Amino acid sequence: MQIALRLHNLLCLRNCLDNAIKFTPKGGNIVISGAIENEEFTMFITDSGIGIPEKVLKSIFEIKNNKELIRNG
């Protein structure tokens, strides 16, 4: 289980960094920082990219069925 969790965390980190690089314009900024609180580490990735539209942001973590994914792509 530990290995699966570590791989999942690395995949999430890679995806966030990839998006920051992909959507930050030339000359923009990407900042990676972290904090330890109550024995937990939190990583922050901020960039000067275009961001996520408010409409999408509200439901970004909702699980959608395959038909919805295909239709809304």
PDB file of N, CA and C in Angstrom:
ATOM      1  N   MET A   1       0.815  -1.199   0.000  1.00  0.00           N
ATOM      2  CA  MET A   1       0.000   0.000   0.000  1.00  0.00           C
ATOM      3  C   MET A   1       0.862   1.268   0.000  1.00  0.00           C
ATOM      4  N   GLN A   2       1.943   1.262   0.770  1.00  0.00           N
ATOM      5  CA  GLN A   2       2.824   2.424   0.829  1.00  0.00           C
ATOM      6  C   GLN A   2       3.391   2.773  -0.544  1.00  0.00           C
ATOM      7  N   ILE A   3       3.775   1.747  -1.293  1.00  0.00           N
ATOM      8  CA  ILE A   3       4.345   1.989  -2.624  1.00  0.00           C
ATOM      9  C   ILE A   3       3.298   2.607  -3.540  1.00  0.00           C
ATOM     10  N   ALA A   4       2.078   2.099  -3.502  1.00  0.00           N
ATOM     11  CA  ALA A   4       1.003   2.636  -4.344  1.00  0.00           C
ATOM     12  C   ALA A   4       0.722   4.093  -3.989  1.00  0.00           C
ATOM     13  N   LEU A   5       0.701   4.411  -2.709  1.00  0.00           N
ATOM     14  CA  LEU A   5       0.458   5.789  -2.280  1.00  0.00           C
ATOM     15  C   LEU A   5       1.584   6.713  -2.732  1.00  0.00           C
ATOM     16  N   ARG A   6       2.811   6.259  -2.611  1.00  0.00           N
ATOM     17  CA  ARG A   6       3.951   7.072  -3.059  1.00  0.00           C
ATOM     18  C   ARG A   6       3.901   7.315  -4.564  1.00  0.00           C
ATOM     19  N   LEU A   7       3.574   6.281  -5.320  1.00  0.00           N
ATOM     20  CA  LEU A   7       3.470   6.435  -6.775  1.00  0.00           C
ATOM     21  C   LEU A   7       2.335   7.391  -7.137  1.00  0.00           C
ATOM     22  N   HIS A   8       1.220   7.274  -6.435  1.00  0.00           N
ATOM     23  CA  HIS A   8       0.089   8.178  -6.673  1.00  0.00           C
ATOM     24  C   HIS A   8       0.495   9.627  -6.391  1.00  0.00           C
ATOM     25  N   ASN A   9       1.187   9.844  -5.276  1.00  0.00           N
ATOM     26  CA  ASN A   9       1.639  11.192  -4.933  1.00  0.00           C
ATOM     27  C   ASN A   9       2.605  11.745  -5.976  1.00  0.00           C
ATOM     28  N   LEU A  10       3.513  10.907  -6.451  1.00  0.00           N
ATOM     29  CA  LEU A  10       4.449  11.349  -7.492  1.00  0.00           C
ATOM     30  C   LEU A  10       3.726  11.684  -8.785  1.00  0.00           C
ATOM     31  N   LEU A  11       2.722  10.904  -9.137  1.00  0.00           N
ATOM     32  CA  LEU A  11       1.945  11.165 -10.342  1.00  0.00           C
ATOM     33  C   LEU A  11       1.195  12.493 -10.220  1.00  0.00           C
ATOM     34  N   CYS A  12       0.612  12.742  -9.055  1.00  0.00           N
ATOM     35  CA  CYS A  12      -0.084  14.015  -8.826  1.00  0.00           C
ATOM     36  C   CYS A  12       0.883  15.191  -8.916  1.00  0.00           C
ATOM     37  N   LEU A  13       2.043  15.043  -8.302  1.00  0.00           N
ATOM     38  CA  LEU A  13       3.057  16.093  -8.342  1.00  0.00           C
ATOM     39  C   LEU A  13       3.498  16.356  -9.778  1.00  0.00           C
ATOM     40  N   ARG A  14       3.769  15.283 -10.518  1.00  0.00           N
ATOM     41  CA  ARG A  14       4.194  15.427 -11.916  1.00  0.00           C
ATOM     42  C   ARG A  14       3.120  16.129 -12.739  1.00  0.00           C
ATOM     43  N   ASN A  15       1.860  15.769 -12.516  1.00  0.00           N
ATOM     44  CA  ASN A  15       0.759  16.381 -13.260  1.00  0.00           C
ATOM     45  C   ASN A  15       0.649  17.875 -12.946  1.00  0.00           C
ATOM     46  N   CYS A  16       0.777  18.230 -11.677  1.00  0.00           N
ATOM     47  CA  CYS A  16       0.707  19.644 -11.297  1.00  0.00           C
ATOM     48  C   CYS A  16       1.858  20.443 -11.894  1.00  0.00           C
ATOM     49  N   LEU A  17       3.053  19.895 -11.839  1.00  0.00           N
ATOM     50  CA  LEU A  17       4.217  20.582 -12.423  1.00  0.00           C
ATOM     51  C   LEU A  17       4.089  20.695 -13.933  1.00  0.00           C
ATOM     52  N   ASP A  18       3.617  19.622 -14.567  1.00  0.00           N
ATOM     53  CA  ASP A  18       3.430  19.632 -16.011  1.00  0.00           C
ATOM     54  C   ASP A  18       2.437  20.725 -16.419  1.00  0.00           C
ATOM     55  N   ASN A  19       1.329  20.826 -15.681  1.00  0.00           N
ATOM     56  CA  ASN A  19       0.340  21.862 -15.988  1.00  0.00           C
ATOM     57  C   ASN A  19       0.896  23.257 -15.755  1.00  0.00           C
ATOM     58  N   ALA A  20       1.666  23.433 -14.680  1.00  0.00           N
ATOM     59  CA  ALA A  20       2.260  24.743 -14.411  1.00  0.00           C
ATOM     60  C   ALA A  20       3.187  25.150 -15.555  1.00  0.00           C
ATOM     61  N   ILE A  21       3.984  24.219 -16.021  1.00  0.00           N
ATOM     62  CA  ILE A  21       4.907  24.506 -17.124  1.00  0.00           C
ATOM     63  C   ILE A  21       4.141  24.762 -18.418  1.00  0.00           C
ATOM     64  N   LYS A  22       3.150  23.938 -18.677  1.00  0.00           N
ATOM     65  CA  LYS A  22       2.387  24.023 -19.925  1.00  0.00           C
ATOM     66  C   LYS A  22       1.596  25.330 -20.041  1.00  0.00           C
ATOM     67  N   PHE A  23       1.021  25.813 -18.931  1.00  0.00           N
ATOM     68  CA  PHE A  23       0.110  26.951 -19.004  1.00  0.00           C
ATOM     69  C   PHE A  23       0.692  28.265 -18.498  1.00  0.00           C
ATOM     70  N   THR A  24       1.979  28.273 -18.164  1.00  0.00           N
ATOM     71  CA  THR A  24       2.634  29.512 -17.772  1.00  0.00           C
ATOM     72  C   THR A  24       3.336  30.092 -19.000  1.00  0.00           C
ATOM     73  N   PRO A  25       3.026  31.332 -19.321  1.00  0.00           N
ATOM     74  CA  PRO A  25       3.642  31.924 -20.514  1.00  0.00           C
ATOM     75  C   PRO A  25       5.135  32.142 -20.334  1.00  0.00           C
ATOM     76  N   LYS A  26       5.846  32.291 -21.466  1.00  0.00           N
ATOM     77  CA  LYS A  26       7.272  32.600 -21.406  1.00  0.00           C
ATOM     78  C   LYS A  26       7.476  33.834 -20.555  1.00  0.00           C
ATOM     79  N   GLY A  27       8.485  33.774 -19.682  1.00  0.00           N
ATOM     80  CA  GLY A  27       8.754  34.895 -18.794  1.00  0.00           C
ATOM     81  C   GLY A  27       7.913  34.869 -17.530  1.00  0.00           C
ATOM     82  N   GLY A  28       6.980  33.902 -17.431  1.00  0.00           N
ATOM     83  CA  GLY A  28       6.127  33.785 -16.248  1.00  0.00           C
ATOM     84  C   GLY A  28       6.872  33.148 -15.090  1.00  0.00           C
ATOM     85  N   ASN A  29       6.176  32.977 -13.994  1.00  0.00           N
ATOM     86  CA  ASN A  29       6.799  32.438 -12.784  1.00  0.00           C
ATOM     87  C   ASN A  29       6.122  31.155 -12.324  1.00  0.00           C
ATOM     88  N   ILE A  30       6.928  30.212 -11.850  1.00  0.00           N
ATOM     89  CA  ILE A  30       6.445  29.009 -11.185  1.00  0.00           C
ATOM     90  C   ILE A  30       7.198  28.930  -9.862  1.00  0.00           C
ATOM     91  N   VAL A  31       6.456  28.836  -8.770  1.00  0.00           N
ATOM     92  CA  VAL A  31       7.057  28.774  -7.439  1.00  0.00           C
ATOM     93  C   VAL A  31       6.621  27.474  -6.776  1.00  0.00           C
ATOM     94  N   ILE A  32       7.603  26.715  -6.290  1.00  0.00           N
ATOM     95  CA  ILE A  32       7.337  25.474  -5.563  1.00  0.00           C
ATOM     96  C   ILE A  32       7.808  25.689  -4.131  1.00  0.00           C
ATOM     97  N   SER A  33       6.898  25.478  -3.183  1.00  0.00           N
ATOM     98  CA  SER A  33       7.253  25.635  -1.775  1.00  0.00           C
ATOM     99  C   SER A  33       6.551  24.552  -0.965  1.00  0.00           C
ATOM    100  N   GLY A  34       6.885  24.472   0.293  1.00  0.00           N
ATOM    101  CA  GLY A  34       6.272  23.455   1.135  1.00  0.00           C
ATOM    102  C   GLY A  34       6.251  23.880   2.581  1.00  0.00           C
ATOM    103  N   ALA A  35       5.452  23.164   3.367  1.00  0.00           N
ATOM    104  CA  ALA A  35       5.352  23.445   4.796  1.00  0.00           C
ATOM    105  C   ALA A  35       5.083  22.143   5.540  1.00  0.00           C
ATOM    106  N   ILE A  36       5.626  22.060   6.740  1.00  0.00           N
ATOM    107  CA  ILE A  36       5.370  20.912   7.610  1.00  0.00           C
ATOM    108  C   ILE A  36       4.538  21.402   8.783  1.00  0.00           C
ATOM    109  N   GLU A  37       3.405  20.732   8.992  1.00  0.00           N
ATOM    110  CA  GLU A  37       2.541  21.064  10.112  1.00  0.00           C
ATOM    111  C   GLU A  37       1.927  19.778  10.651  1.00  0.00           C
ATOM    112  N   ASN A  38       2.013  19.578  11.938  1.00  0.00           N
ATOM    113  CA  ASN A  38       1.482  18.362  12.577  1.00  0.00           C
ATOM    114  C   ASN A  38       2.009  17.093  11.902  1.00  0.00           C
ATOM    115  N   GLU A  39       3.294  17.077  11.621  1.00  0.00           N
ATOM    116  CA  GLU A  39       3.970  15.928  11.011  1.00  0.00           C
ATOM    117  C   GLU A  39       3.470  15.607   9.598  1.00  0.00           C
ATOM    118  N   GLU A  40       2.815  16.553   8.953  1.00  0.00           N
ATOM    119  CA  GLU A  40       2.376  16.376   7.563  1.00  0.00           C
ATOM    120  C   GLU A  40       3.031  17.431   6.689  1.00  0.00           C
ATOM    121  N   PHE A  41       3.443  17.014   5.516  1.00  0.00           N
ATOM    122  CA  PHE A  41       4.086  17.915   4.562  1.00  0.00           C
ATOM    123  C   PHE A  41       3.070  18.310   3.492  1.00  0.00           C
ATOM    124  N   THR A  42       2.968  19.592   3.239  1.00  0.00           N
ATOM    125  CA  THR A  42       2.097  20.097   2.183  1.00  0.00           C
ATOM    126  C   THR A  42       2.956  20.846   1.179  1.00  0.00           C
ATOM    127  N   MET A  43       2.776  20.517  -0.092  1.00  0.00           N
ATOM    128  CA  MET A  43       3.523  21.185  -1.147  1.00  0.00           C
ATOM    129  C   MET A  43       2.589  22.153  -1.878  1.00  0.00           C
ATOM    130  N   PHE A  44       3.123  23.313  -2.222  1.00  0.00           N
ATOM    131  CA  PHE A  44       2.370  24.326  -2.936  1.00  0.00           C
ATOM    132  C   PHE A  44       3.067  24.605  -4.263  1.00  0.00           C
ATOM    133  N   ILE A  45       2.297  24.636  -5.319  1.00  0.00           N
ATOM    134  CA  ILE A  45       2.814  25.001  -6.631  1.00  0.00           C
ATOM    135  C   ILE A  45       1.942  26.149  -7.126  1.00  0.00           C
ATOM    136  N   THR A  46       2.564  27.291  -7.318  1.00  0.00           N
ATOM    137  CA  THR A  46       1.828  28.445  -7.843  1.00  0.00           C
ATOM    138  C   THR A  46       2.509  28.908  -9.121  1.00  0.00           C
ATOM    139  N   ASP A  47       1.712  29.443 -10.016  1.00  0.00           N
ATOM    140  CA  ASP A  47       2.282  29.926 -11.276  1.00  0.00           C
ATOM    141  C   ASP A  47       1.509  31.148 -11.752  1.00  0.00           C
ATOM    142  N   SER A  48       2.037  31.784 -12.778  1.00  0.00           N
ATOM    143  CA  SER A  48       1.396  32.977 -13.332  1.00  0.00           C
ATOM    144  C   SER A  48       0.669  32.639 -14.634  1.00  0.00           C
ATOM    145  N   GLY A  49       0.215  31.398 -14.719  1.00  0.00           N
ATOM    146  CA  GLY A  49      -0.511  30.947 -15.908  1.00  0.00           C
ATOM    147  C   GLY A  49      -1.934  31.460 -15.945  1.00  0.00           C
ATOM    148  N   ILE A  50      -2.695  30.934 -16.898  1.00  0.00           N
ATOM    149  CA  ILE A  50      -4.056  31.428 -17.146  1.00  0.00           C
ATOM    150  C   ILE A  50      -5.052  31.014 -16.073  1.00  0.00           C
ATOM    151  N   GLY A  51      -4.749  29.991 -15.294  1.00  0.00           N
ATOM    152  CA  GLY A  51      -5.647  29.555 -14.233  1.00  0.00           C
ATOM    153  C   GLY A  51      -6.787  28.689 -14.762  1.00  0.00           C
ATOM    154  N   ILE A  52      -7.614  28.266 -13.844  1.00  0.00           N
ATOM    155  CA  ILE A  52      -8.755  27.408 -14.168  1.00  0.00           C
ATOM    156  C   ILE A  52     -10.007  28.265 -14.090  1.00  0.00           C
ATOM    157  N   PRO A  53     -10.861  28.235 -15.117  1.00  0.00           N
ATOM    158  CA  PRO A  53     -12.085  29.039 -15.081  1.00  0.00           C
ATOM    159  C   PRO A  53     -12.937  28.703 -13.850  1.00  0.00           C
ATOM    160  N   GLU A  54     -13.574  29.723 -13.273  1.00  0.00           N
ATOM    161  CA  GLU A  54     -14.390  29.561 -12.064  1.00  0.00           C
ATOM    162  C   GLU A  54     -15.432  28.460 -12.213  1.00  0.00           C
ATOM    163  N   LYS A  55     -16.050  28.366 -13.370  1.00  0.00           N
ATOM    164  CA  LYS A  55     -17.088  27.361 -13.624  1.00  0.00           C
ATOM    165  C   LYS A  55     -16.520  25.940 -13.485  1.00  0.00           C
ATOM    166  N   VAL A  56     -15.326  25.722 -13.973  1.00  0.00           N
ATOM    167  CA  VAL A  56     -14.683  24.408 -13.917  1.00  0.00           C
ATOM    168  C   VAL A  56     -14.141  24.139 -12.513  1.00  0.00           C
ATOM    169  N   LEU A  57     -13.622  25.169 -11.873  1.00  0.00           N
ATOM    170  CA  LEU A  57     -13.002  25.028 -10.558  1.00  0.00           C
ATOM    171  C   LEU A  57     -13.969  24.463  -9.522  1.00  0.00           C
ATOM    172  N   LYS A  58     -15.245  24.833  -9.622  1.00  0.00           N
ATOM    173  CA  LYS A  58     -16.250  24.386  -8.656  1.00  0.00           C
ATOM    174  C   LYS A  58     -16.444  22.877  -8.667  1.00  0.00           C
ATOM    175  N   SER A  59     -16.193  22.232  -9.813  1.00  0.00           N
ATOM    176  CA  SER A  59     -16.466  20.794  -9.902  1.00  0.00           C
ATOM    177  C   SER A  59     -15.239  19.988 -10.327  1.00  0.00           C
ATOM    178  N   ILE A  60     -14.067  20.549 -10.149  1.00  0.00           N
ATOM    179  CA  ILE A  60     -12.856  19.916 -10.678  1.00  0.00           C
ATOM    180  C   ILE A  60     -12.566  18.541 -10.061  1.00  0.00           C
ATOM    181  N   PHE A  61     -12.972  18.331  -8.817  1.00  0.00           N
ATOM    182  CA  PHE A  61     -12.671  17.063  -8.172  1.00  0.00           C
ATOM    183  C   PHE A  61     -13.854  16.093  -8.145  1.00  0.00           C
ATOM    184  N   GLU A  62     -14.927  16.434  -8.831  1.00  0.00           N
ATOM    185  CA  GLU A  62     -16.071  15.525  -8.903  1.00  0.00           C
ATOM    186  C   GLU A  62     -15.751  14.375  -9.843  1.00  0.00           C
ATOM    187  N   ILE A  63     -16.218  13.193  -9.469  1.00  0.00           N
ATOM    188  CA  ILE A  63     -16.037  12.021 -10.324  1.00  0.00           C
ATOM    189  C   ILE A  63     -17.203  11.988 -11.307  1.00  0.00           C
ATOM    190  N   LYS A  64     -16.889  11.937 -12.579  1.00  0.00           N
ATOM    191  CA  LYS A  64     -17.920  11.940 -13.615  1.00  0.00           C
ATOM    192  C   LYS A  64     -17.937  10.596 -14.323  1.00  0.00           C
ATOM    193  N   ASN A  65     -19.097  10.238 -14.820  1.00  0.00           N
ATOM    194  CA  ASN A  65     -19.174   8.972 -15.547  1.00  0.00           C
ATOM    195  C   ASN A  65     -18.585   9.127 -16.944  1.00  0.00           C
ATOM    196  N   ASN A  66     -18.304   8.026 -17.598  1.00  0.00           N
ATOM    197  CA  ASN A  66     -17.627   8.034 -18.899  1.00  0.00           C
ATOM    198  C   ASN A  66     -18.388   8.814 -19.955  1.00  0.00           C
ATOM    199  N   LYS A  67     -19.716   8.714 -19.979  1.00  0.00           N
ATOM    200  CA  LYS A  67     -20.498   9.439 -20.978  1.00  0.00           C
ATOM    201  C   LYS A  67     -20.312  10.949 -20.823  1.00  0.00           C
ATOM    202  N   GLU A  68     -20.292  11.410 -19.569  1.00  0.00           N
ATOM    203  CA  GLU A  68     -20.085  12.834 -19.326  1.00  0.00           C
ATOM    204  C   GLU A  68     -18.698  13.276 -19.773  1.00  0.00           C
ATOM    205  N   LEU A  69     -17.685  12.446 -19.502  1.00  0.00           N
ATOM    206  CA  LEU A  69     -16.310  12.781 -19.902  1.00  0.00           C
ATOM    207  C   LEU A  69     -16.189  12.871 -21.413  1.00  0.00           C
ATOM    208  N   ILE A  70     -16.822  11.933 -22.119  1.00  0.00           N
ATOM    209  CA  ILE A  70     -16.758  11.932 -23.574  1.00  0.00           C
ATOM    210  C   ILE A  70     -17.492  13.136 -24.144  1.00  0.00           C
ATOM    211  N   ARG A  71     -18.671  13.442 -23.573  1.00  0.00           N
ATOM    212  CA  ARG A  71     -19.490  14.538 -24.073  1.00  0.00           C
ATOM    213  C   ARG A  71     -18.843  15.889 -23.792  1.00  0.00           C
ATOM    214  N   ASN A  72     -18.261  16.055 -22.605  1.00  0.00           N
ATOM    215  CA  ASN A  72     -17.714  17.352 -22.204  1.00  0.00           C
ATOM    216  C   ASN A  72     -16.209  17.458 -22.377  1.00  0.00           C
ATOM    217  N   GLY A  73     -15.592  16.350 -22.719  1.00  0.00           N
ATOM    218  CA  GLY A  73     -14.248  16.211 -23.037  1.00  0.00           C
ATOM    219  C   GLY A  73     -13.117  16.813 -22.438  1.00  0.00           C
TER     220      GLY A  73
END
